[in-house]
């Protein structure tokens, strides 16, 4: 769970520089469609 960085007081005060940790967190998340799940086990292989 990401930390609570985007509090209402920060969003309404207009200082966007304090939101950089939140932007960095979400920029590291994967983009695009999810990759196909390759299941393991005997049933999935055979």
ModelCIF file with pLDDT and N, C-alpha, C, O atoms, coordinates in Angstrom:
data_MODEL
#
_entry.id   MODEL 
#
_entity.id                         1 
_entity.type                       polymer 
_entity.pdbx_number_of_molecules   1 
#
_entity_poly.entity_id                      1 
_entity_poly.type                           'polypeptide(L)' 
_entity_poly.nstd_linkage                   no 
_entity_poly.nstd_monomer                   no 
_entity_poly.pdbx_seq_one_letter_code       
;(UNK)(UNK)(UNK)(UNK)(UNK)(UNK)(UNK)(UNK)(UNK)(UNK)(UNK)(UNK)(UNK)(UNK)(UNK)(UNK)
(UNK)(UNK)(UNK)(UNK)(UNK)(UNK)(UNK)(UNK)(UNK)(UNK)(UNK)(UNK)(UNK)(UNK)(UNK)(UNK)
(UNK)(UNK)(UNK)(UNK)(UNK)(UNK)(UNK)(UNK)(UNK)(UNK)(UNK)(UNK)(UNK)(UNK)
;
_entity_poly.pdbx_seq_one_letter_code_can   XXXXXXXXXXXXXXXXXXXXXXXXXXXXXXXXXXXXXXXXXXXXXX 
_entity_poly.pdbx_strand_id                 A 
#
loop_
_entity_poly_seq.entity_id 
_entity_poly_seq.num 
_entity_poly_seq.mon_id 
_entity_poly_seq.hetero 
1 1  UNK n 
1 2  UNK n 
1 3  UNK n 
1 4  UNK n 
1 5  UNK n 
1 6  UNK n 
1 7  UNK n 
1 8  UNK n 
1 9  UNK n 
1 10 UNK n 
1 11 UNK n 
1 12 UNK n 
1 13 UNK n 
1 14 UNK n 
1 15 UNK n 
1 16 UNK n 
1 17 UNK n 
1 18 UNK n 
1 19 UNK n 
1 20 UNK n 
1 21 UNK n 
1 22 UNK n 
1 23 UNK n 
1 24 UNK n 
1 25 UNK n 
1 26 UNK n 
1 27 UNK n 
1 28 UNK n 
1 29 UNK n 
1 30 UNK n 
1 31 UNK n 
1 32 UNK n 
1 33 UNK n 
1 34 UNK n 
1 35 UNK n 
1 36 UNK n 
1 37 UNK n 
1 38 UNK n 
1 39 UNK n 
1 40 UNK n 
1 41 UNK n 
1 42 UNK n 
1 43 UNK n 
1 44 UNK n 
1 45 UNK n 
1 46 UNK n 
#
_struct_asym.id          A 
_struct_asym.entity_id   1 
#
loop_
_ma_qa_metric.id 
_ma_qa_metric.mode 
_ma_qa_metric.name 
_ma_qa_metric.software_group_id 
_ma_qa_metric.type 
1 global pLDDT . pLDDT 
2 local  pLDDT . pLDDT 
#
_ma_qa_metric_global.metric_id      1 
_ma_qa_metric_global.metric_value   70.26 
_ma_qa_metric_global.model_id       1 
_ma_qa_metric_global.ordinal_id     1 
#
loop_
_ma_qa_metric_local.label_asym_id 
_ma_qa_metric_local.label_comp_id 
_ma_qa_metric_local.label_seq_id 
_ma_qa_metric_local.metric_id 
_ma_qa_metric_local.metric_value 
_ma_qa_metric_local.model_id 
_ma_qa_metric_local.ordinal_id 
A UNK 1  2 55.00 1 1  
A UNK 2  2 60.00 1 2  
A UNK 3  2 58.00 1 3  
A UNK 4  2 60.00 1 4  
A UNK 5  2 55.00 1 5  
A UNK 6  2 53.00 1 6  
A UNK 7  2 56.00 1 7  
A UNK 8  2 57.00 1 8  
A UNK 9  2 61.00 1 9  
A UNK 10 2 54.00 1 10 
A UNK 11 2 56.00 1 11 
A UNK 12 2 57.00 1 12 
A UNK 13 2 59.00 1 13 
A UNK 14 2 58.00 1 14 
A UNK 15 2 59.00 1 15 
A UNK 16 2 60.00 1 16 
A UNK 17 2 63.00 1 17 
A UNK 18 2 66.00 1 18 
A UNK 19 2 69.00 1 19 
A UNK 20 2 75.00 1 20 
A UNK 21 2 77.00 1 21 
A UNK 22 2 73.00 1 22 
A UNK 23 2 77.00 1 23 
A UNK 24 2 82.00 1 24 
A UNK 25 2 83.00 1 25 
A UNK 26 2 82.00 1 26 
A UNK 27 2 86.00 1 27 
A UNK 28 2 88.00 1 28 
A UNK 29 2 85.00 1 29 
A UNK 30 2 84.00 1 30 
A UNK 31 2 85.00 1 31 
A UNK 32 2 85.00 1 32 
A UNK 33 2 86.00 1 33 
A UNK 34 2 79.00 1 34 
A UNK 35 2 76.00 1 35 
A UNK 36 2 73.00 1 36 
A UNK 37 2 70.00 1 37 
A UNK 38 2 67.00 1 38 
A UNK 39 2 68.00 1 39 
A UNK 40 2 74.00 1 40 
A UNK 41 2 78.00 1 41 
A UNK 42 2 75.00 1 42 
A UNK 43 2 77.00 1 43 
A UNK 44 2 77.00 1 44 
A UNK 45 2 76.00 1 45 
A UNK 46 2 78.00 1 46 
#
loop_
_atom_site.group_PDB 
_atom_site.id 
_atom_site.type_symbol 
_atom_site.label_atom_id 
_atom_site.label_alt_id 
_atom_site.label_comp_id 
_atom_site.label_asym_id 
_atom_site.label_entity_id 
_atom_site.label_seq_id 
_atom_site.pdbx_PDB_ins_code 
_atom_site.Cartn_x 
_atom_site.Cartn_y 
_atom_site.Cartn_z 
_atom_site.occupancy 
_atom_site.B_iso_or_equiv 
_atom_site.pdbx_formal_charge 
_atom_site.auth_seq_id 
_atom_site.auth_comp_id 
_atom_site.auth_asym_id 
_atom_site.auth_atom_id 
_atom_site.pdbx_PDB_model_num 
ATOM 1   N N  . UNK A 1 1  ? 0.857  -1.177  0.000   1.00 55.00 ? 1  UNK A N  1 
ATOM 2   C CA . UNK A 1 1  ? 0.000  0.000   0.000   1.00 55.00 ? 1  UNK A CA 1 
ATOM 3   C C  . UNK A 1 1  ? 0.894  1.228   0.000   1.00 55.00 ? 1  UNK A C  1 
ATOM 4   O O  . UNK A 1 1  ? 1.752  1.357   0.874   1.00 55.00 ? 1  UNK A O  1 
ATOM 5   N N  . UNK A 1 2  ? 0.720  2.139   -0.959  1.00 60.00 ? 2  UNK A N  1 
ATOM 6   C CA . UNK A 1 2  ? 1.587  3.311   -0.991  1.00 60.00 ? 2  UNK A CA 1 
ATOM 7   C C  . UNK A 1 2  ? 1.358  4.192   0.235   1.00 60.00 ? 2  UNK A C  1 
ATOM 8   O O  . UNK A 1 2  ? 0.261  4.209   0.794   1.00 60.00 ? 2  UNK A O  1 
ATOM 9   N N  . UNK A 1 3  ? 2.376  4.911   0.646   1.00 58.00 ? 3  UNK A N  1 
ATOM 10  C CA . UNK A 1 3  ? 2.219  5.786   1.814   1.00 58.00 ? 3  UNK A CA 1 
ATOM 11  C C  . UNK A 1 3  ? 1.242  6.915   1.506   1.00 58.00 ? 3  UNK A C  1 
ATOM 12  O O  . UNK A 1 3  ? 1.024  7.286   0.353   1.00 58.00 ? 3  UNK A O  1 
ATOM 13  N N  . UNK A 1 4  ? 0.668  7.441   2.569   1.00 60.00 ? 4  UNK A N  1 
ATOM 14  C CA . UNK A 1 4  ? -0.324 8.508   2.393   1.00 60.00 ? 4  UNK A CA 1 
ATOM 15  C C  . UNK A 1 4  ? 0.403  9.839   2.220   1.00 60.00 ? 4  UNK A C  1 
ATOM 16  O O  . UNK A 1 4  ? 0.582  10.602  3.170   1.00 60.00 ? 4  UNK A O  1 
ATOM 17  N N  . UNK A 1 5  ? 0.811  10.090  0.991   1.00 55.00 ? 5  UNK A N  1 
ATOM 18  C CA . UNK A 1 5  ? 1.545  11.320  0.701   1.00 55.00 ? 5  UNK A CA 1 
ATOM 19  C C  . UNK A 1 5  ? 0.591  12.402  0.213   1.00 55.00 ? 5  UNK A C  1 
ATOM 20  O O  . UNK A 1 5  ? 0.768  13.580  0.522   1.00 55.00 ? 5  UNK A O  1 
ATOM 21  N N  . UNK A 1 6  ? -0.419 11.999  -0.549  1.00 53.00 ? 6  UNK A N  1 
ATOM 22  C CA . UNK A 1 6  ? -1.343 12.961  -1.140  1.00 53.00 ? 6  UNK A CA 1 
ATOM 23  C C  . UNK A 1 6  ? -2.460 13.271  -0.158  1.00 53.00 ? 6  UNK A C  1 
ATOM 24  O O  . UNK A 1 6  ? -3.591 12.820  -0.336  1.00 53.00 ? 6  UNK A O  1 
ATOM 25  N N  . UNK A 1 7  ? -2.150 14.029  0.863   1.00 56.00 ? 7  UNK A N  1 
ATOM 26  C CA . UNK A 1 7  ? -3.165 14.431  1.830   1.00 56.00 ? 7  UNK A CA 1 
ATOM 27  C C  . UNK A 1 7  ? -3.937 15.619  1.258   1.00 56.00 ? 7  UNK A C  1 
ATOM 28  O O  . UNK A 1 7  ? -3.424 16.332  0.396   1.00 56.00 ? 7  UNK A O  1 
ATOM 29  N N  . UNK A 1 8  ? -5.155 15.835  1.724   1.00 57.00 ? 8  UNK A N  1 
ATOM 30  C CA . UNK A 1 8  ? -5.941 16.963  1.188   1.00 57.00 ? 8  UNK A CA 1 
ATOM 31  C C  . UNK A 1 8  ? -5.265 18.319  1.381   1.00 57.00 ? 8  UNK A C  1 
ATOM 32  O O  . UNK A 1 8  ? -5.435 19.210  0.550   1.00 57.00 ? 8  UNK A O  1 
ATOM 33  N N  . UNK A 1 9  ? -4.505 18.491  2.459   1.00 61.00 ? 9  UNK A N  1 
ATOM 34  C CA . UNK A 1 9  ? -3.862 19.793  2.673   1.00 61.00 ? 9  UNK A CA 1 
ATOM 35  C C  . UNK A 1 9  ? -2.771 20.047  1.633   1.00 61.00 ? 9  UNK A C  1 
ATOM 36  O O  . UNK A 1 9  ? -2.582 21.186  1.205   1.00 61.00 ? 9  UNK A O  1 
ATOM 37  N N  . UNK A 1 10 ? -2.053 19.002  1.223   1.00 54.00 ? 10 UNK A N  1 
ATOM 38  C CA . UNK A 1 10 ? -1.026 19.182  0.199   1.00 54.00 ? 10 UNK A CA 1 
ATOM 39  C C  . UNK A 1 10 ? -1.641 19.460  -1.165  1.00 54.00 ? 10 UNK A C  1 
ATOM 40  O O  . UNK A 1 10 ? -1.105 20.249  -1.943  1.00 54.00 ? 10 UNK A O  1 
ATOM 41  N N  . UNK A 1 11 ? -2.755 18.818  -1.452  1.00 56.00 ? 11 UNK A N  1 
ATOM 42  C CA . UNK A 1 11 ? -3.376 19.005  -2.759  1.00 56.00 ? 11 UNK A CA 1 
ATOM 43  C C  . UNK A 1 11 ? -3.996 20.381  -2.910  1.00 56.00 ? 11 UNK A C  1 
ATOM 44  O O  . UNK A 1 11 ? -3.978 20.947  -4.003  1.00 56.00 ? 11 UNK A O  1 
ATOM 45  N N  . UNK A 1 12 ? -4.540 20.928  -1.844  1.00 57.00 ? 12 UNK A N  1 
ATOM 46  C CA . UNK A 1 12 ? -5.197 22.227  -1.935  1.00 57.00 ? 12 UNK A CA 1 
ATOM 47  C C  . UNK A 1 12 ? -4.226 23.384  -1.766  1.00 57.00 ? 12 UNK A C  1 
ATOM 48  O O  . UNK A 1 12 ? -4.540 24.505  -2.166  1.00 57.00 ? 12 UNK A O  1 
ATOM 49  N N  . UNK A 1 13 ? -3.047 23.143  -1.182  1.00 59.00 ? 13 UNK A N  1 
ATOM 50  C CA . UNK A 1 13 ? -2.108 24.252  -0.954  1.00 59.00 ? 13 UNK A CA 1 
ATOM 51  C C  . UNK A 1 13 ? -1.377 24.656  -2.225  1.00 59.00 ? 13 UNK A C  1 
ATOM 52  O O  . UNK A 1 13 ? -0.847 25.765  -2.300  1.00 59.00 ? 13 UNK A O  1 
ATOM 53  N N  . UNK A 1 14 ? -1.336 23.788  -3.217  1.00 58.00 ? 14 UNK A N  1 
ATOM 54  C CA . UNK A 1 14 ? -0.723 24.151  -4.484  1.00 58.00 ? 14 UNK A CA 1 
ATOM 55  C C  . UNK A 1 14 ? 0.737  23.775  -4.606  1.00 58.00 ? 14 UNK A C  1 
ATOM 56  O O  . UNK A 1 14 ? 1.324  24.002  -5.664  1.00 58.00 ? 14 UNK A O  1 
ATOM 57  N N  . UNK A 1 15 ? 1.353  23.213  -3.582  1.00 59.00 ? 15 UNK A N  1 
ATOM 58  C CA . UNK A 1 15 ? 2.769  22.828  -3.694  1.00 59.00 ? 15 UNK A CA 1 
ATOM 59  C C  . UNK A 1 15 ? 2.832  21.413  -4.258  1.00 59.00 ? 15 UNK A C  1 
ATOM 60  O O  . UNK A 1 15 ? 2.561  20.443  -3.550  1.00 59.00 ? 15 UNK A O  1 
ATOM 61  N N  . UNK A 1 16 ? 3.185  21.303  -5.518  1.00 60.00 ? 16 UNK A N  1 
ATOM 62  C CA . UNK A 1 16 ? 3.255  20.006  -6.174  1.00 60.00 ? 16 UNK A CA 1 
ATOM 63  C C  . UNK A 1 16 ? 4.577  19.304  -5.954  1.00 60.00 ? 16 UNK A C  1 
ATOM 64  O O  . UNK A 1 16 ? 4.701  18.123  -6.278  1.00 60.00 ? 16 UNK A O  1 
ATOM 65  N N  . UNK A 1 17 ? 5.561  19.986  -5.420  1.00 63.00 ? 17 UNK A N  1 
ATOM 66  C CA . UNK A 1 17 ? 6.878  19.381  -5.230  1.00 63.00 ? 17 UNK A CA 1 
ATOM 67  C C  . UNK A 1 17 ? 6.857  18.299  -4.156  1.00 63.00 ? 17 UNK A C  1 
ATOM 68  O O  . UNK A 1 17 ? 7.692  17.395  -4.176  1.00 63.00 ? 17 UNK A O  1 
ATOM 69  N N  . UNK A 1 18 ? 5.925  18.381  -3.232  1.00 66.00 ? 18 UNK A N  1 
ATOM 70  C CA . UNK A 1 18 ? 5.872  17.365  -2.175  1.00 66.00 ? 18 UNK A CA 1 
ATOM 71  C C  . UNK A 1 18 ? 5.221  16.071  -2.664  1.00 66.00 ? 18 UNK A C  1 
ATOM 72  O O  . UNK A 1 18 ? 5.232  15.066  -1.952  1.00 66.00 ? 18 UNK A O  1 
ATOM 73  N N  . UNK A 1 19 ? 4.661  16.088  -3.862  1.00 69.00 ? 19 UNK A N  1 
ATOM 74  C CA . UNK A 1 19 ? 4.055  14.879  -4.415  1.00 69.00 ? 19 UNK A CA 1 
ATOM 75  C C  . UNK A 1 19 ? 5.039  14.050  -5.235  1.00 69.00 ? 19 UNK A C  1 
ATOM 76  O O  . UNK A 1 19 ? 4.643  13.031  -5.800  1.00 69.00 ? 19 UNK A O  1 
ATOM 77  N N  . UNK A 1 20 ? 6.288  14.445  -5.319  1.00 75.00 ? 20 UNK A N  1 
ATOM 78  C CA . UNK A 1 20 ? 7.268  13.704  -6.120  1.00 75.00 ? 20 UNK A CA 1 
ATOM 79  C C  . UNK A 1 20 ? 7.457  12.265  -5.648  1.00 75.00 ? 20 UNK A C  1 
ATOM 80  O O  . UNK A 1 20 ? 7.622  11.393  -6.501  1.00 75.00 ? 20 UNK A O  1 
ATOM 81  N N  . UNK A 1 21 ? 7.446  11.950  -4.332  1.00 77.00 ? 21 UNK A N  1 
ATOM 82  C CA . UNK A 1 21 ? 7.547  10.526  -3.966  1.00 77.00 ? 21 UNK A CA 1 
ATOM 83  C C  . UNK A 1 21 ? 6.382  9.694   -4.490  1.00 77.00 ? 21 UNK A C  1 
ATOM 84  O O  . UNK A 1 21 ? 6.566  8.544   -4.888  1.00 77.00 ? 21 UNK A O  1 
ATOM 85  N N  . UNK A 1 22 ? 5.181  10.275  -4.490  1.00 73.00 ? 22 UNK A N  1 
ATOM 86  C CA . UNK A 1 22 ? 4.015  9.565   -5.004  1.00 73.00 ? 22 UNK A CA 1 
ATOM 87  C C  . UNK A 1 22 ? 4.124  9.370   -6.513  1.00 73.00 ? 22 UNK A C  1 
ATOM 88  O O  . UNK A 1 22 ? 3.779  8.306   -7.027  1.00 73.00 ? 22 UNK A O  1 
ATOM 89  N N  . UNK A 1 23 ? 4.597  10.382  -7.220  1.00 77.00 ? 23 UNK A N  1 
ATOM 90  C CA . UNK A 1 23 ? 4.771  10.281  -8.666  1.00 77.00 ? 23 UNK A CA 1 
ATOM 91  C C  . UNK A 1 23 ? 5.844  9.250   -8.987  1.00 77.00 ? 23 UNK A C  1 
ATOM 92  O O  . UNK A 1 23 ? 5.693  8.474   -9.931  1.00 77.00 ? 23 UNK A O  1 
ATOM 93  N N  . UNK A 1 24 ? 6.922  9.232   -8.216  1.00 82.00 ? 24 UNK A N  1 
ATOM 94  C CA . UNK A 1 24 ? 7.976  8.238   -8.432  1.00 82.00 ? 24 UNK A CA 1 
ATOM 95  C C  . UNK A 1 24 ? 7.459  6.826   -8.194  1.00 82.00 ? 24 UNK A C  1 
ATOM 96  O O  . UNK A 1 24 ? 7.805  5.902   -8.930  1.00 82.00 ? 24 UNK A O  1 
ATOM 97  N N  . UNK A 1 25 ? 6.634  6.660   -7.172  1.00 83.00 ? 25 UNK A N  1 
ATOM 98  C CA . UNK A 1 25 ? 6.075  5.337   -6.882  1.00 83.00 ? 25 UNK A CA 1 
ATOM 99  C C  . UNK A 1 25 ? 5.234  4.834   -8.042  1.00 83.00 ? 25 UNK A C  1 
ATOM 100 O O  . UNK A 1 25 ? 5.396  3.696   -8.483  1.00 83.00 ? 25 UNK A O  1 
ATOM 101 N N  . UNK A 1 26 ? 4.336  5.676   -8.538  1.00 82.00 ? 26 UNK A N  1 
ATOM 102 C CA . UNK A 1 26 ? 3.449  5.246   -9.619  1.00 82.00 ? 26 UNK A CA 1 
ATOM 103 C C  . UNK A 1 26 ? 4.158  5.171   -10.969 1.00 82.00 ? 26 UNK A C  1 
ATOM 104 O O  . UNK A 1 26 ? 3.695  4.454   -11.856 1.00 82.00 ? 26 UNK A O  1 
ATOM 105 N N  . UNK A 1 27 ? 5.254  5.882   -11.150 1.00 86.00 ? 27 UNK A N  1 
ATOM 106 C CA . UNK A 1 27 ? 5.970  5.790   -12.418 1.00 86.00 ? 27 UNK A CA 1 
ATOM 107 C C  . UNK A 1 27 ? 6.746  4.483   -12.524 1.00 86.00 ? 27 UNK A C  1 
ATOM 108 O O  . UNK A 1 27 ? 7.079  4.060   -13.631 1.00 86.00 ? 27 UNK A O  1 
ATOM 109 N N  . UNK A 1 28 ? 7.042  3.834   -11.399 1.00 88.00 ? 28 UNK A N  1 
ATOM 110 C CA . UNK A 1 28 ? 7.766  2.562   -11.420 1.00 88.00 ? 28 UNK A CA 1 
ATOM 111 C C  . UNK A 1 28 ? 6.853  1.362   -11.665 1.00 88.00 ? 28 UNK A C  1 
ATOM 112 O O  . UNK A 1 28 ? 7.342  0.260   -11.913 1.00 88.00 ? 28 UNK A O  1 
ATOM 113 N N  . UNK A 1 29 ? 5.552  1.557   -11.601 1.00 85.00 ? 29 UNK A N  1 
ATOM 114 C CA . UNK A 1 29 ? 4.612  0.457   -11.836 1.00 85.00 ? 29 UNK A CA 1 
ATOM 115 C C  . UNK A 1 29 ? 4.628  0.067   -13.307 1.00 85.00 ? 29 UNK A C  1 
ATOM 116 O O  . UNK A 1 29 ? 4.854  0.927   -14.158 1.00 85.00 ? 29 UNK A O  1 
ATOM 117 N N  . UNK A 1 30 ? 4.396  -1.204  -13.636 1.00 84.00 ? 30 UNK A N  1 
ATOM 118 C CA . UNK A 1 30 ? 4.407  -1.623  -15.044 1.00 84.00 ? 30 UNK A CA 1 
ATOM 119 C C  . UNK A 1 30 ? 3.258  -1.000  -15.822 1.00 84.00 ? 30 UNK A C  1 
ATOM 120 O O  . UNK A 1 30 ? 2.169  -0.778  -15.294 1.00 84.00 ? 30 UNK A O  1 
ATOM 121 N N  . UNK A 1 31 ? 3.532  -0.727  -17.080 1.00 85.00 ? 31 UNK A N  1 
ATOM 122 C CA . UNK A 1 31 ? 2.526  -0.098  -17.950 1.00 85.00 ? 31 UNK A CA 1 
ATOM 123 C C  . UNK A 1 31 ? 2.089  -1.078  -19.028 1.00 85.00 ? 31 UNK A C  1 
ATOM 124 O O  . UNK A 1 31 ? 2.843  -1.981  -19.392 1.00 85.00 ? 31 UNK A O  1 
ATOM 125 N N  . UNK A 1 32 ? 0.904  -0.909  -19.528 1.00 85.00 ? 32 UNK A N  1 
ATOM 126 C CA . UNK A 1 32 ? 0.404  -1.752  -20.603 1.00 85.00 ? 32 UNK A CA 1 
ATOM 127 C C  . UNK A 1 32 ? -0.389 -2.929  -20.060 1.00 85.00 ? 32 UNK A C  1 
ATOM 128 O O  . UNK A 1 32 ? -0.618 -3.040  -18.856 1.00 85.00 ? 32 UNK A O  1 
ATOM 129 N N  . UNK A 1 33 ? -0.805 -3.808  -20.973 1.00 86.00 ? 33 UNK A N  1 
ATOM 130 C CA . UNK A 1 33 ? -1.611 -4.957  -20.540 1.00 86.00 ? 33 UNK A CA 1 
ATOM 131 C C  . UNK A 1 33 ? -0.769 -5.950  -19.743 1.00 86.00 ? 33 UNK A C  1 
ATOM 132 O O  . UNK A 1 33 ? 0.449  -6.034  -19.901 1.00 86.00 ? 33 UNK A O  1 
ATOM 133 N N  . UNK A 1 34 ? -1.444 -6.683  -18.901 1.00 79.00 ? 34 UNK A N  1 
ATOM 134 C CA . UNK A 1 34 ? -0.764 -7.684  -18.072 1.00 79.00 ? 34 UNK A CA 1 
ATOM 135 C C  . UNK A 1 34 ? -0.266 -8.828  -18.940 1.00 79.00 ? 34 UNK A C  1 
ATOM 136 O O  . UNK A 1 34 ? -0.904 -9.201  -19.924 1.00 79.00 ? 34 UNK A O  1 
ATOM 137 N N  . UNK A 1 35 ? 0.873  -9.376  -18.567 1.00 76.00 ? 35 UNK A N  1 
ATOM 138 C CA . UNK A 1 35 ? 1.425  -10.495 -19.332 1.00 76.00 ? 35 UNK A CA 1 
ATOM 139 C C  . UNK A 1 35 ? 0.608  -11.754 -19.079 1.00 76.00 ? 35 UNK A C  1 
ATOM 140 O O  . UNK A 1 35 ? -0.079 -11.868 -18.064 1.00 76.00 ? 35 UNK A O  1 
ATOM 141 N N  . UNK A 1 36 ? 0.689  -12.682 -19.998 1.00 73.00 ? 36 UNK A N  1 
ATOM 142 C CA . UNK A 1 36 ? -0.060 -13.926 -19.870 1.00 73.00 ? 36 UNK A CA 1 
ATOM 143 C C  . UNK A 1 36 ? 0.494  -14.730 -18.696 1.00 73.00 ? 36 UNK A C  1 
ATOM 144 O O  . UNK A 1 36 ? 1.706  -14.831 -18.506 1.00 73.00 ? 36 UNK A O  1 
ATOM 145 N N  . UNK A 1 37 ? -0.405 -15.287 -17.930 1.00 70.00 ? 37 UNK A N  1 
ATOM 146 C CA . UNK A 1 37 ? -0.009 -16.062 -16.759 1.00 70.00 ? 37 UNK A CA 1 
ATOM 147 C C  . UNK A 1 37 ? 0.361  -17.462 -17.222 1.00 70.00 ? 37 UNK A C  1 
ATOM 148 O O  . UNK A 1 37 ? -0.451 -18.157 -17.832 1.00 70.00 ? 37 UNK A O  1 
ATOM 149 N N  . UNK A 1 38 ? 1.579  -17.869 -16.932 1.00 67.00 ? 38 UNK A N  1 
ATOM 150 C CA . UNK A 1 38 ? 1.993  -19.224 -17.280 1.00 67.00 ? 38 UNK A CA 1 
ATOM 151 C C  . UNK A 1 38 ? 1.870  -20.074 -16.020 1.00 67.00 ? 38 UNK A C  1 
ATOM 152 O O  . UNK A 1 38 ? 2.687  -19.976 -15.105 1.00 67.00 ? 38 UNK A O  1 
ATOM 153 N N  . UNK A 1 39 ? 0.851  -20.896 -15.993 1.00 68.00 ? 39 UNK A N  1 
ATOM 154 C CA . UNK A 1 39 ? 0.611  -21.732 -14.836 1.00 68.00 ? 39 UNK A CA 1 
ATOM 155 C C  . UNK A 1 39 ? 1.592  -22.876 -14.757 1.00 68.00 ? 39 UNK A C  1 
ATOM 156 O O  . UNK A 1 39 ? 2.069  -23.367 -15.780 1.00 68.00 ? 39 UNK A O  1 
ATOM 157 N N  . UNK A 1 40 ? 1.885  -23.288 -13.590 1.00 74.00 ? 40 UNK A N  1 
ATOM 158 C CA . UNK A 1 40 ? 2.793  -24.404 -13.407 1.00 74.00 ? 40 UNK A CA 1 
ATOM 159 C C  . UNK A 1 40 ? 2.012  -25.665 -13.082 1.00 74.00 ? 40 UNK A C  1 
ATOM 160 O O  . UNK A 1 40 ? 0.781  -25.661 -13.057 1.00 74.00 ? 40 UNK A O  1 
ATOM 161 N N  . UNK A 1 41 ? 2.704  -26.687 -12.849 1.00 78.00 ? 41 UNK A N  1 
ATOM 162 C CA . UNK A 1 41 ? 2.072  -27.928 -12.472 1.00 78.00 ? 41 UNK A CA 1 
ATOM 163 C C  . UNK A 1 41 ? 1.891  -28.865 -13.643 1.00 78.00 ? 41 UNK A C  1 
ATOM 164 O O  . UNK A 1 41 ? 2.135  -28.515 -14.797 1.00 78.00 ? 41 UNK A O  1 
ATOM 165 N N  . UNK A 1 42 ? 1.461  -30.051 -13.316 1.00 75.00 ? 42 UNK A N  1 
ATOM 166 C CA . UNK A 1 42 ? 1.313  -31.105 -14.322 1.00 75.00 ? 42 UNK A CA 1 
ATOM 167 C C  . UNK A 1 42 ? 0.177  -30.793 -15.281 1.00 75.00 ? 42 UNK A C  1 
ATOM 168 O O  . UNK A 1 42 ? 0.317  -30.978 -16.489 1.00 75.00 ? 42 UNK A O  1 
ATOM 169 N N  . UNK A 1 43 ? -0.941 -30.322 -14.756 1.00 77.00 ? 43 UNK A N  1 
ATOM 170 C CA . UNK A 1 43 ? -2.092 -30.054 -15.622 1.00 77.00 ? 43 UNK A CA 1 
ATOM 171 C C  . UNK A 1 43 ? -1.769 -28.965 -16.646 1.00 77.00 ? 43 UNK A C  1 
ATOM 172 O O  . UNK A 1 43 ? -2.124 -29.094 -17.818 1.00 77.00 ? 43 UNK A O  1 
ATOM 173 N N  . UNK A 1 44 ? -1.112 -27.917 -16.222 1.00 77.00 ? 44 UNK A N  1 
ATOM 174 C CA . UNK A 1 44 ? -0.797 -26.827 -17.140 1.00 77.00 ? 44 UNK A CA 1 
ATOM 175 C C  . UNK A 1 44 ? 0.220  -27.254 -18.189 1.00 77.00 ? 44 UNK A C  1 
ATOM 176 O O  . UNK A 1 44 ? 0.154  -26.795 -19.329 1.00 77.00 ? 44 UNK A O  1 
ATOM 177 N N  . UNK A 1 45 ? 1.159  -28.123 -17.828 1.00 76.00 ? 45 UNK A N  1 
ATOM 178 C CA . UNK A 1 45 ? 2.193  -28.518 -18.786 1.00 76.00 ? 45 UNK A CA 1 
ATOM 179 C C  . UNK A 1 45 ? 1.694  -29.521 -19.806 1.00 76.00 ? 45 UNK A C  1 
ATOM 180 O O  . UNK A 1 45 ? 2.073  -29.442 -20.975 1.00 76.00 ? 45 UNK A O  1 
ATOM 181 N N  . UNK A 1 46 ? 0.849  -30.469 -19.399 1.00 78.00 ? 46 UNK A N  1 
ATOM 182 C CA . UNK A 1 46 ? 0.497  -31.570 -20.287 1.00 78.00 ? 46 UNK A CA 1 
ATOM 183 C C  . UNK A 1 46 ? -0.923 -31.530 -20.832 1.00 78.00 ? 46 UNK A C  1 
ATOM 184 O O  . UNK A 1 46 ? -1.318 -32.414 -21.591 1.00 78.00 ? 46 UNK A O  1 
#
